[in-house]
Amino acid sequence: RHCTRILGLNLHPTYTQPPHVADYVWVSCFPNTITATVLECPFGWTLETLLLGGVCVNGVSNQGFYKFVIPDLTPSDFSYCGTQTQLVNQHGTPTYVFTNWITSRDQGAGVRFQPPVNYTFSCSYKARYTMETAAFDQSVATIFVKNGSWGSFESQLSMNIFSNSKFSVLKPAPFIVDATDIGSIVFIGIEAKGLSRR
């Protein structure tokens, strides 16, 4: 897109005055990803001069906007491109808050026509979730299994969660994912009853 030059600022073509919308960052807080989007034109910065967290040049241009993505929120990547993570207590609920910012690269000494940019954004996620009890019921589903040309027979499937790979330590239902469990490995056991030894 081309921007119209007004008062020393590069503006989106739909605006005739310096837009206040240039101060906004649009943030989407997805379960595993955070995206932050800013207007491409207001201050004349390019993708190469905007940094996520002050360290990463990873924005993409999309129809007049620059989009920056934090692709992974697992504990091992809490500091992805400068992302700061804090565990806080919001109204009695433990909550993870992920904070980052989009800033302009320091251009060094000399005359600069673009004002500096610093968009700060954050997403909050509850640190404790209760999974549905029904998902761990011992008789989740009853199915009919075809056994070749011999007809069908009834079988029950159940799903349980275990804390070890030998499936010997069963986690009780309902399974609660606590702050200490986030990023840990759980093992899902599917059991079929009513099958023959074959």
N, C-alpha and C. Protein backbone atom coordinates (compact mmCIF):
# COMPACT_ATOMS: atom_id res chain seq x y z
N ARG A 1 0.83 -1.19 0.00
CA ARG A 1 0.00 0.00 0.00
C ARG A 1 0.87 1.25 0.00
N HIS A 2 0.33 2.28 -0.61
CA HIS A 2 1.03 3.56 -0.60
C HIS A 2 0.41 4.43 0.48
N CYS A 3 1.24 5.21 1.12
CA CYS A 3 0.77 6.09 2.18
C CYS A 3 0.83 7.53 1.70
N THR A 4 -0.05 8.35 2.22
CA THR A 4 -0.08 9.77 1.87
C THR A 4 0.74 10.54 2.90
N ARG A 5 1.62 11.39 2.41
CA ARG A 5 2.52 12.13 3.31
C ARG A 5 1.80 13.38 3.82
N ILE A 6 1.54 13.45 5.12
CA ILE A 6 0.88 14.62 5.71
C ILE A 6 1.61 14.98 7.00
N LEU A 7 1.99 16.22 7.14
CA LEU A 7 2.63 16.71 8.37
C LEU A 7 3.81 15.86 8.79
N GLY A 8 4.56 15.37 7.83
CA GLY A 8 5.74 14.58 8.15
C GLY A 8 5.45 13.16 8.57
N LEU A 9 4.19 12.74 8.50
CA LEU A 9 3.82 11.38 8.88
C LEU A 9 3.33 10.61 7.67
N ASN A 10 3.61 9.33 7.63
CA ASN A 10 3.06 8.48 6.58
C ASN A 10 1.72 7.95 7.08
N LEU A 11 0.66 8.25 6.34
CA LEU A 11 -0.67 7.90 6.81
C LEU A 11 -1.32 6.88 5.89
N HIS A 12 -2.20 6.08 6.47
CA HIS A 12 -3.03 5.18 5.70
C HIS A 12 -3.89 6.03 4.76
N PRO A 13 -4.09 5.64 3.51
CA PRO A 13 -4.77 6.50 2.54
C PRO A 13 -6.20 6.86 2.91
N THR A 14 -6.83 6.15 3.81
CA THR A 14 -8.22 6.46 4.16
C THR A 14 -8.31 7.62 5.15
N TYR A 15 -7.16 8.09 5.67
CA TYR A 15 -7.19 9.16 6.65
C TYR A 15 -6.68 10.46 6.03
N THR A 16 -7.27 11.59 6.43
CA THR A 16 -6.82 12.88 5.94
C THR A 16 -6.09 13.66 7.02
N GLN A 17 -6.11 13.20 8.25
CA GLN A 17 -5.37 13.81 9.34
C GLN A 17 -4.64 12.70 10.09
N PRO A 18 -3.62 13.08 10.88
CA PRO A 18 -2.93 12.04 11.65
C PRO A 18 -3.93 11.25 12.49
N PRO A 19 -4.09 9.96 12.24
CA PRO A 19 -5.16 9.19 12.90
C PRO A 19 -4.79 8.75 14.31
N HIS A 20 -5.75 8.83 15.19
CA HIS A 20 -5.54 8.32 16.54
C HIS A 20 -5.45 6.80 16.52
N VAL A 21 -6.00 6.18 15.48
CA VAL A 21 -5.96 4.71 15.39
C VAL A 21 -4.53 4.21 15.28
N ALA A 22 -3.60 5.10 14.94
CA ALA A 22 -2.20 4.71 14.86
C ALA A 22 -1.65 4.32 16.22
N ASP A 23 -2.35 4.72 17.27
CA ASP A 23 -1.90 4.39 18.63
C ASP A 23 -2.34 3.00 19.05
N TYR A 24 -3.13 2.32 18.25
CA TYR A 24 -3.70 1.04 18.65
C TYR A 24 -2.87 -0.14 18.18
N VAL A 25 -2.92 -1.19 18.97
CA VAL A 25 -2.39 -2.49 18.56
C VAL A 25 -3.54 -3.48 18.76
N TRP A 26 -3.84 -4.25 17.73
CA TRP A 26 -4.91 -5.24 17.81
C TRP A 26 -4.29 -6.57 18.23
N VAL A 27 -4.78 -7.13 19.31
CA VAL A 27 -4.18 -8.34 19.89
C VAL A 27 -5.19 -9.47 19.89
N SER A 28 -4.76 -10.65 19.46
CA SER A 28 -5.59 -11.86 19.53
C SER A 28 -4.88 -12.85 20.44
N CYS A 29 -5.59 -13.27 21.50
CA CYS A 29 -5.03 -14.21 22.47
C CYS A 29 -5.61 -15.60 22.19
N PHE A 30 -4.89 -16.40 21.42
CA PHE A 30 -5.32 -17.75 21.10
C PHE A 30 -4.77 -18.72 22.14
N PRO A 31 -5.28 -19.96 22.19
CA PRO A 31 -4.81 -20.90 23.21
C PRO A 31 -3.30 -21.14 23.21
N ASN A 32 -2.68 -21.20 22.03
CA ASN A 32 -1.25 -21.48 21.97
C ASN A 32 -0.44 -20.38 21.30
N THR A 33 -1.09 -19.32 20.87
CA THR A 33 -0.43 -18.29 20.07
C THR A 33 -0.98 -16.92 20.42
N ILE A 34 -0.12 -15.91 20.35
CA ILE A 34 -0.56 -14.53 20.49
C ILE A 34 -0.17 -13.80 19.21
N THR A 35 -1.11 -13.03 18.64
CA THR A 35 -0.78 -12.20 17.48
C THR A 35 -1.06 -10.74 17.83
N ALA A 36 -0.20 -9.86 17.36
CA ALA A 36 -0.37 -8.43 17.54
C ALA A 36 -0.26 -7.77 16.17
N THR A 37 -1.21 -6.89 15.85
CA THR A 37 -1.28 -6.28 14.53
C THR A 37 -1.31 -4.76 14.68
N VAL A 38 -0.51 -4.06 13.88
CA VAL A 38 -0.49 -2.60 13.88
C VAL A 38 -0.64 -2.11 12.44
N LEU A 39 -1.10 -0.86 12.30
CA LEU A 39 -1.21 -0.27 10.97
C LEU A 39 0.17 -0.12 10.33
N GLU A 40 0.21 -0.33 9.03
CA GLU A 40 1.48 -0.26 8.31
C GLU A 40 1.97 1.18 8.13
N CYS A 41 1.07 2.11 7.89
CA CYS A 41 1.50 3.40 7.39
C CYS A 41 1.67 4.56 8.38
N PRO A 42 1.05 4.60 9.52
CA PRO A 42 1.02 5.86 10.26
C PRO A 42 2.35 6.56 10.46
N PHE A 43 3.41 5.86 10.78
CA PHE A 43 4.67 6.53 11.10
C PHE A 43 5.77 6.25 10.09
N GLY A 44 5.48 5.53 9.03
CA GLY A 44 6.46 5.32 7.99
C GLY A 44 7.53 4.29 8.31
N TRP A 45 7.31 3.47 9.31
CA TRP A 45 8.28 2.43 9.64
C TRP A 45 8.09 1.24 8.72
N THR A 46 9.17 0.53 8.44
CA THR A 46 9.11 -0.68 7.63
C THR A 46 9.22 -1.90 8.53
N LEU A 47 8.94 -3.07 7.97
CA LEU A 47 9.05 -4.30 8.75
C LEU A 47 10.46 -4.50 9.28
N GLU A 48 11.44 -4.06 8.51
CA GLU A 48 12.84 -4.25 8.92
C GLU A 48 13.22 -3.35 10.09
N THR A 49 12.44 -2.32 10.36
CA THR A 49 12.78 -1.40 11.44
C THR A 49 11.88 -1.56 12.66
N LEU A 50 10.95 -2.52 12.62
CA LEU A 50 10.10 -2.79 13.78
C LEU A 50 10.50 -4.13 14.39
N LEU A 51 10.62 -4.16 15.70
CA LEU A 51 11.11 -5.34 16.41
C LEU A 51 10.09 -5.82 17.42
N LEU A 52 9.87 -7.13 17.47
CA LEU A 52 9.04 -7.73 18.51
C LEU A 52 9.92 -7.95 19.73
N GLY A 53 9.52 -7.36 20.84
CA GLY A 53 10.30 -7.49 22.07
C GLY A 53 11.64 -6.78 22.01
N GLY A 54 11.81 -5.92 21.01
CA GLY A 54 13.07 -5.21 20.87
C GLY A 54 14.19 -6.05 20.31
N VAL A 55 13.89 -7.32 19.92
CA VAL A 55 14.96 -8.21 19.46
C VAL A 55 14.66 -8.94 18.16
N CYS A 56 13.40 -9.21 17.83
CA CYS A 56 13.08 -10.07 16.68
C CYS A 56 12.48 -9.27 15.53
N VAL A 57 13.03 -9.45 14.34
CA VAL A 57 12.45 -8.89 13.12
C VAL A 57 11.65 -10.03 12.49
N ASN A 58 10.40 -10.20 12.92
CA ASN A 58 9.61 -11.33 12.43
C ASN A 58 8.20 -10.95 12.02
N GLY A 59 7.95 -9.67 11.75
CA GLY A 59 6.63 -9.24 11.32
C GLY A 59 6.38 -9.61 9.87
N VAL A 60 5.10 -9.70 9.52
CA VAL A 60 4.71 -9.93 8.13
C VAL A 60 3.70 -8.87 7.73
N SER A 61 3.76 -8.46 6.47
CA SER A 61 2.85 -7.45 5.95
C SER A 61 1.60 -8.14 5.41
N ASN A 62 0.43 -7.57 5.77
CA ASN A 62 -0.82 -8.19 5.35
C ASN A 62 -1.87 -7.10 5.14
N GLN A 63 -2.10 -6.69 3.90
CA GLN A 63 -3.16 -5.77 3.51
C GLN A 63 -3.18 -4.50 4.35
N GLY A 64 -2.06 -3.82 4.41
CA GLY A 64 -2.00 -2.54 5.11
C GLY A 64 -1.70 -2.65 6.59
N PHE A 65 -1.42 -3.85 7.06
CA PHE A 65 -1.10 -4.05 8.48
C PHE A 65 0.19 -4.85 8.61
N TYR A 66 0.86 -4.69 9.73
CA TYR A 66 2.00 -5.53 10.10
C TYR A 66 1.55 -6.45 11.23
N LYS A 67 1.78 -7.74 11.04
CA LYS A 67 1.38 -8.71 12.06
C LYS A 67 2.60 -9.37 12.67
N PHE A 68 2.62 -9.45 13.99
CA PHE A 68 3.70 -10.09 14.74
C PHE A 68 3.10 -11.25 15.53
N VAL A 69 3.81 -12.38 15.56
CA VAL A 69 3.27 -13.59 16.17
C VAL A 69 4.21 -14.13 17.23
N ILE A 70 3.65 -14.47 18.38
CA ILE A 70 4.35 -15.26 19.40
C ILE A 70 3.77 -16.66 19.24
N PRO A 71 4.50 -17.59 18.62
CA PRO A 71 3.91 -18.86 18.18
C PRO A 71 3.76 -19.93 19.24
N ASP A 72 4.38 -19.77 20.39
CA ASP A 72 4.37 -20.87 21.35
C ASP A 72 4.39 -20.30 22.76
N LEU A 73 3.45 -20.77 23.59
CA LEU A 73 3.36 -20.27 24.96
C LEU A 73 3.73 -21.33 25.98
N THR A 74 4.43 -22.37 25.56
CA THR A 74 4.84 -23.40 26.52
C THR A 74 5.95 -22.85 27.40
N PRO A 75 6.12 -23.41 28.60
CA PRO A 75 7.09 -22.85 29.54
C PRO A 75 8.50 -22.70 28.99
N SER A 76 8.91 -23.61 28.10
CA SER A 76 10.28 -23.52 27.58
C SER A 76 10.47 -22.30 26.70
N ASP A 77 9.36 -21.71 26.21
CA ASP A 77 9.46 -20.55 25.33
C ASP A 77 8.84 -19.31 25.95
N PHE A 78 8.85 -19.23 27.29
CA PHE A 78 8.27 -18.06 27.94
C PHE A 78 8.94 -16.76 27.49
N SER A 79 10.21 -16.83 27.09
CA SER A 79 10.94 -15.62 26.73
C SER A 79 11.04 -15.45 25.22
N TYR A 80 10.15 -16.04 24.43
CA TYR A 80 10.20 -15.94 22.98
C TYR A 80 10.21 -14.47 22.56
N CYS A 81 11.23 -14.05 21.87
CA CYS A 81 11.36 -12.67 21.39
C CYS A 81 11.09 -11.64 22.49
N GLY A 82 11.62 -11.90 23.66
CA GLY A 82 11.49 -10.95 24.76
C GLY A 82 10.18 -11.03 25.52
N THR A 83 9.35 -12.03 25.23
CA THR A 83 8.07 -12.16 25.93
C THR A 83 8.32 -12.33 27.43
N GLN A 84 7.64 -11.52 28.22
CA GLN A 84 7.75 -11.62 29.67
C GLN A 84 6.52 -12.34 30.21
N THR A 85 6.74 -13.25 31.15
CA THR A 85 5.65 -14.04 31.72
C THR A 85 5.59 -13.82 33.21
N GLN A 86 4.37 -13.65 33.70
CA GLN A 86 4.19 -13.44 35.13
C GLN A 86 2.99 -14.25 35.60
N LEU A 87 3.13 -14.93 36.73
CA LEU A 87 2.01 -15.65 37.34
C LEU A 87 1.45 -14.76 38.43
N VAL A 88 0.21 -14.29 38.24
CA VAL A 88 -0.41 -13.36 39.18
C VAL A 88 -1.71 -13.95 39.70
N ASN A 89 -2.25 -13.34 40.74
CA ASN A 89 -3.52 -13.77 41.31
C ASN A 89 -4.56 -12.72 40.95
N GLN A 90 -5.44 -13.05 40.00
CA GLN A 90 -6.50 -12.13 39.58
C GLN A 90 -7.83 -12.59 40.16
N HIS A 91 -8.34 -11.85 41.11
CA HIS A 91 -9.63 -12.16 41.74
C HIS A 91 -9.65 -13.58 42.28
N GLY A 92 -8.55 -14.00 42.90
CA GLY A 92 -8.49 -15.33 43.50
C GLY A 92 -8.15 -16.44 42.53
N THR A 93 -7.91 -16.10 41.27
CA THR A 93 -7.60 -17.12 40.26
C THR A 93 -6.16 -16.95 39.80
N PRO A 94 -5.33 -18.00 39.92
CA PRO A 94 -3.97 -17.89 39.39
C PRO A 94 -4.01 -17.71 37.87
N THR A 95 -3.29 -16.71 37.38
CA THR A 95 -3.36 -16.34 35.97
C THR A 95 -1.96 -16.06 35.43
N TYR A 96 -1.69 -16.61 34.23
CA TYR A 96 -0.46 -16.29 33.53
C TYR A 96 -0.71 -15.05 32.67
N VAL A 97 0.18 -14.06 32.77
CA VAL A 97 0.11 -12.88 31.93
C VAL A 97 1.37 -12.84 31.06
N PHE A 98 1.17 -12.88 29.74
CA PHE A 98 2.26 -12.79 28.77
C PHE A 98 2.29 -11.37 28.23
N THR A 99 3.42 -10.70 28.34
CA THR A 99 3.55 -9.31 27.89
C THR A 99 4.70 -9.19 26.90
N ASN A 100 4.47 -8.40 25.85
CA ASN A 100 5.53 -8.11 24.90
C ASN A 100 5.27 -6.74 24.30
N TRP A 101 6.10 -6.31 23.39
CA TRP A 101 5.94 -5.00 22.79
C TRP A 101 6.54 -5.00 21.39
N ILE A 102 6.06 -4.05 20.59
CA ILE A 102 6.61 -3.82 19.25
C ILE A 102 7.26 -2.44 19.31
N THR A 103 8.52 -2.38 19.00
CA THR A 103 9.25 -1.12 19.10
C THR A 103 10.04 -0.87 17.83
N SER A 104 10.37 0.39 17.61
CA SER A 104 11.16 0.74 16.42
C SER A 104 12.64 0.61 16.74
N ARG A 105 13.38 0.17 15.73
CA ARG A 105 14.82 0.00 15.88
C ARG A 105 15.48 1.38 16.00
N ASP A 106 16.46 1.47 16.88
CA ASP A 106 17.21 2.72 17.03
C ASP A 106 17.99 2.98 15.75
N GLN A 107 17.72 4.13 15.13
CA GLN A 107 18.37 4.46 13.85
C GLN A 107 19.71 5.17 14.04
N GLY A 108 20.12 5.35 15.29
CA GLY A 108 21.41 5.99 15.53
C GLY A 108 21.31 7.50 15.44
N ALA A 109 22.46 8.15 15.35
CA ALA A 109 22.50 9.61 15.32
C ALA A 109 22.01 10.12 13.98
N GLY A 110 21.65 11.39 13.96
CA GLY A 110 21.22 12.00 12.71
C GLY A 110 19.77 12.44 12.79
N VAL A 111 19.33 13.10 11.74
CA VAL A 111 17.96 13.59 11.69
C VAL A 111 17.03 12.43 11.38
N ARG A 112 15.95 12.33 12.14
CA ARG A 112 15.00 11.25 11.91
C ARG A 112 13.61 11.85 11.82
N PHE A 113 12.87 11.49 10.78
CA PHE A 113 11.55 12.05 10.59
C PHE A 113 10.46 11.19 11.21
N GLN A 114 10.74 9.92 11.44
CA GLN A 114 9.73 9.05 12.02
C GLN A 114 9.79 9.11 13.54
N PRO A 115 8.64 9.33 14.18
CA PRO A 115 8.64 9.26 15.65
C PRO A 115 8.84 7.82 16.08
N PRO A 116 9.44 7.59 17.25
CA PRO A 116 9.65 6.22 17.72
C PRO A 116 8.32 5.53 17.99
N VAL A 117 8.33 4.21 17.89
CA VAL A 117 7.13 3.40 18.11
C VAL A 117 7.36 2.50 19.31
N ASN A 118 6.36 2.37 20.16
CA ASN A 118 6.43 1.41 21.27
C ASN A 118 5.01 0.97 21.62
N TYR A 119 4.57 -0.12 21.00
CA TYR A 119 3.26 -0.70 21.28
C TYR A 119 3.45 -1.80 22.32
N THR A 120 2.80 -1.70 23.45
CA THR A 120 2.88 -2.75 24.47
C THR A 120 1.55 -3.49 24.51
N PHE A 121 1.61 -4.82 24.63
CA PHE A 121 0.38 -5.62 24.66
C PHE A 121 0.58 -6.82 25.58
N SER A 122 -0.54 -7.39 26.02
CA SER A 122 -0.46 -8.57 26.89
C SER A 122 -1.70 -9.44 26.72
N CYS A 123 -1.56 -10.70 27.09
CA CYS A 123 -2.67 -11.65 27.11
C CYS A 123 -2.64 -12.37 28.45
N SER A 124 -3.83 -12.64 28.99
CA SER A 124 -3.96 -13.34 30.27
C SER A 124 -4.64 -14.67 30.06
N TYR A 125 -4.12 -15.70 30.76
CA TYR A 125 -4.68 -17.05 30.67
C TYR A 125 -4.81 -17.61 32.08
N LYS A 126 -5.98 -18.18 32.37
CA LYS A 126 -6.14 -18.85 33.66
C LYS A 126 -5.12 -19.97 33.77
N ALA A 127 -4.54 -20.11 34.95
CA ALA A 127 -3.50 -21.13 35.14
C ALA A 127 -4.08 -22.44 35.63
N ARG A 128 -5.39 -22.51 35.80
CA ARG A 128 -6.00 -23.73 36.31
C ARG A 128 -7.27 -24.01 35.53
N TYR A 129 -7.35 -25.17 34.97
CA TYR A 129 -8.52 -25.57 34.19
C TYR A 129 -9.01 -26.92 34.68
N THR A 130 -10.32 -27.08 34.77
CA THR A 130 -10.89 -28.37 35.11
C THR A 130 -11.43 -28.99 33.83
N MET A 131 -10.92 -30.16 33.50
CA MET A 131 -11.40 -30.85 32.31
C MET A 131 -12.72 -31.55 32.64
N GLU A 132 -13.52 -31.74 31.64
CA GLU A 132 -14.82 -32.36 31.84
C GLU A 132 -14.70 -33.75 32.44
N THR A 133 -15.47 -34.00 33.48
CA THR A 133 -15.47 -35.31 34.11
C THR A 133 -15.88 -36.39 33.12
N ALA A 134 -16.81 -36.05 32.24
CA ALA A 134 -17.32 -37.04 31.29
C ALA A 134 -16.22 -37.61 30.41
N ALA A 135 -15.21 -36.80 30.16
CA ALA A 135 -14.14 -37.26 29.28
C ALA A 135 -13.35 -38.40 29.90
N PHE A 136 -13.47 -38.57 31.22
CA PHE A 136 -12.70 -39.59 31.90
C PHE A 136 -13.59 -40.65 32.54
N ASP A 137 -14.84 -40.68 32.11
CA ASP A 137 -15.77 -41.70 32.58
C ASP A 137 -15.29 -43.06 32.08
N GLN A 138 -15.51 -44.08 32.89
CA GLN A 138 -15.04 -45.42 32.50
C GLN A 138 -15.85 -45.98 31.33
N SER A 139 -16.98 -45.42 31.02
CA SER A 139 -17.76 -45.92 29.87
C SER A 139 -18.13 -44.74 28.98
N VAL A 140 -17.12 -44.14 28.39
CA VAL A 140 -17.34 -42.96 27.56
C VAL A 140 -18.22 -43.29 26.36
N ALA A 141 -17.94 -44.39 25.69
CA ALA A 141 -18.66 -44.70 24.47
C ALA A 141 -18.86 -46.20 24.33
N THR A 142 -20.00 -46.56 23.82
CA THR A 142 -20.27 -47.95 23.47
C THR A 142 -20.31 -48.03 21.96
N ILE A 143 -19.52 -48.92 21.40
CA ILE A 143 -19.45 -49.02 19.94
C ILE A 143 -19.71 -50.45 19.52
N PHE A 144 -20.06 -50.62 18.27
CA PHE A 144 -20.22 -51.94 17.69
C PHE A 144 -19.10 -52.15 16.69
N VAL A 145 -18.33 -53.19 16.90
CA VAL A 145 -17.15 -53.46 16.09
C VAL A 145 -17.44 -54.61 15.15
N LYS A 146 -17.17 -54.41 13.86
CA LYS A 146 -17.37 -55.49 12.89
C LYS A 146 -16.18 -56.43 12.95
N ASN A 147 -16.45 -57.71 12.99
CA ASN A 147 -15.40 -58.73 13.08
C ASN A 147 -15.42 -59.55 11.80
N GLY A 148 -14.92 -58.95 10.73
CA GLY A 148 -14.93 -59.63 9.44
C GLY A 148 -16.36 -59.92 9.01
N SER A 149 -16.60 -61.14 8.56
CA SER A 149 -17.94 -61.53 8.11
C SER A 149 -18.73 -62.20 9.23
N TRP A 150 -18.19 -62.19 10.45
CA TRP A 150 -18.85 -62.87 11.56
C TRP A 150 -19.87 -61.99 12.27
N GLY A 151 -20.17 -60.85 11.72
CA GLY A 151 -21.13 -59.97 12.39
C GLY A 151 -20.41 -58.95 13.25
N SER A 152 -21.13 -58.40 14.23
CA SER A 152 -20.55 -57.36 15.08
C SER A 152 -20.75 -57.70 16.54
N PHE A 153 -19.98 -57.06 17.40
CA PHE A 153 -20.14 -57.26 18.83
C PHE A 153 -19.98 -55.91 19.53
N GLU A 154 -20.47 -55.85 20.75
CA GLU A 154 -20.45 -54.60 21.49
C GLU A 154 -19.14 -54.44 22.26
N SER A 155 -18.60 -53.22 22.26
CA SER A 155 -17.38 -52.93 23.00
C SER A 155 -17.50 -51.57 23.65
N GLN A 156 -16.88 -51.41 24.80
CA GLN A 156 -16.89 -50.12 25.47
C GLN A 156 -15.48 -49.54 25.48
N LEU A 157 -15.41 -48.27 25.12
CA LEU A 157 -14.13 -47.55 25.15
C LEU A 157 -14.11 -46.62 26.35
N SER A 158 -12.98 -46.55 27.01
CA SER A 158 -12.81 -45.59 28.09
C SER A 158 -11.47 -44.90 27.93
N MET A 159 -11.39 -43.69 28.47
CA MET A 159 -10.16 -42.92 28.39
C MET A 159 -9.77 -42.47 29.78
N ASN A 160 -8.51 -42.65 30.13
CA ASN A 160 -8.00 -42.23 31.43
C ASN A 160 -6.68 -41.49 31.23
N ILE A 161 -6.34 -40.69 32.23
CA ILE A 161 -5.07 -39.95 32.18
C ILE A 161 -4.13 -40.52 33.22
N PHE A 162 -2.89 -40.73 32.80
CA PHE A 162 -1.86 -41.29 33.68
C PHE A 162 -0.69 -40.32 33.75
N SER A 163 0.08 -40.42 34.83
CA SER A 163 1.22 -39.53 34.99
C SER A 163 2.54 -40.19 34.62
N ASN A 164 2.51 -41.45 34.19
CA ASN A 164 3.77 -42.10 33.78
C ASN A 164 3.55 -42.91 32.50
N SER A 165 4.65 -43.20 31.82
CA SER A 165 4.57 -43.87 30.52
C SER A 165 4.21 -45.34 30.62
N LYS A 166 4.25 -45.91 31.82
CA LYS A 166 3.87 -47.32 32.00
C LYS A 166 2.37 -47.45 32.29
N PHE A 167 1.68 -46.32 32.34
CA PHE A 167 0.23 -46.28 32.58
C PHE A 167 -0.13 -46.99 33.89
N SER A 168 0.68 -46.77 34.91
CA SER A 168 0.41 -47.42 36.20
C SER A 168 -0.05 -46.43 37.27
N VAL A 169 0.17 -45.12 37.06
CA VAL A 169 -0.25 -44.12 38.04
C VAL A 169 -1.40 -43.32 37.43
N LEU A 170 -2.62 -43.67 37.83
CA LEU A 170 -3.83 -43.06 37.28
C LEU A 170 -4.12 -41.74 37.97
N LYS A 171 -4.43 -40.71 37.18
CA LYS A 171 -4.85 -39.43 37.75
C LYS A 171 -6.36 -39.48 37.93
N PRO A 172 -6.86 -39.05 39.09
CA PRO A 172 -8.31 -39.13 39.33
C PRO A 172 -9.08 -38.13 38.48
N ALA A 173 -10.32 -38.48 38.17
CA ALA A 173 -11.21 -37.57 37.44
C ALA A 173 -12.03 -36.79 38.47
N PRO A 174 -12.39 -35.52 38.23
CA PRO A 174 -11.97 -34.77 37.04
C PRO A 174 -10.51 -34.38 37.14
N PHE A 175 -9.83 -34.42 36.01
CA PHE A 175 -8.41 -34.08 35.99
C PHE A 175 -8.28 -32.56 35.97
N ILE A 176 -7.56 -32.01 36.93
CA ILE A 176 -7.38 -30.56 37.02
C ILE A 176 -5.97 -30.22 36.57
N VAL A 177 -5.89 -29.34 35.57
CA VAL A 177 -4.60 -28.86 35.11
C VAL A 177 -4.26 -27.65 35.95
N ASP A 178 -3.26 -27.78 36.80
CA ASP A 178 -2.86 -26.69 37.68
C ASP A 178 -1.67 -25.97 37.09
N ALA A 179 -1.31 -24.84 37.67
CA ALA A 179 -0.18 -24.06 37.17
C ALA A 179 1.09 -24.89 37.14
N THR A 180 1.24 -25.78 38.10
CA THR A 180 2.46 -26.60 38.15
C THR A 180 2.47 -27.67 37.07
N ASP A 181 1.30 -27.99 36.49
CA ASP A 181 1.20 -29.03 35.46
C ASP A 181 1.43 -28.50 34.05
N ILE A 182 1.34 -27.19 33.87
CA ILE A 182 1.44 -26.64 32.52
C ILE A 182 2.81 -26.94 31.95
N GLY A 183 2.82 -27.53 30.78
CA GLY A 183 4.07 -27.91 30.13
C GLY A 183 4.55 -29.29 30.50
N SER A 184 3.89 -29.94 31.48
CA SER A 184 4.30 -31.30 31.85
C SER A 184 3.66 -32.30 30.90
N ILE A 185 4.16 -33.52 30.91
CA ILE A 185 3.67 -34.56 30.01
C ILE A 185 2.65 -35.42 30.75
N VAL A 186 1.52 -35.65 30.12
CA VAL A 186 0.54 -36.59 30.65
C VAL A 186 0.34 -37.68 29.60
N PHE A 187 -0.10 -38.83 30.04
CA PHE A 187 -0.27 -39.97 29.15
C PHE A 187 -1.74 -40.36 29.14
N ILE A 188 -2.29 -40.53 27.94
CA ILE A 188 -3.70 -40.88 27.77
C ILE A 188 -3.79 -42.37 27.47
N GLY A 189 -4.60 -43.07 28.25
CA GLY A 189 -4.81 -44.49 28.02
C GLY A 189 -6.21 -44.74 27.51
N ILE A 190 -6.33 -45.40 26.37
CA ILE A 190 -7.62 -45.78 25.81
C ILE A 190 -7.79 -47.28 26.00
N GLU A 191 -8.89 -47.67 26.61
CA GLU A 191 -9.12 -49.09 26.87
C GLU A 191 -10.41 -49.53 26.19
N ALA A 192 -10.35 -50.67 25.53
CA ALA A 192 -11.54 -51.25 24.90
C ALA A 192 -11.92 -52.52 25.65
N LYS A 193 -13.15 -52.58 26.10
CA LYS A 193 -13.65 -53.76 26.82
C LYS A 193 -14.62 -54.51 25.92
N GLY A 194 -14.67 -55.80 26.11
CA GLY A 194 -15.59 -56.61 25.32
C GLY A 194 -14.95 -57.20 24.09
N LEU A 195 -13.64 -57.03 23.94
CA LEU A 195 -12.94 -57.60 22.79
C LEU A 195 -12.45 -59.00 23.13
N SER A 196 -12.28 -59.82 22.11
CA SER A 196 -11.70 -61.14 22.33
C SER A 196 -10.19 -60.99 22.47
N ARG A 197 -9.50 -62.07 22.75
CA ARG A 197 -8.04 -62.01 22.89
C ARG A 197 -7.38 -61.60 21.58
N ARG A 198 -8.05 -61.87 20.47
CA ARG A 198 -7.50 -61.46 19.19
C ARG A 198 -7.52 -59.97 19.08
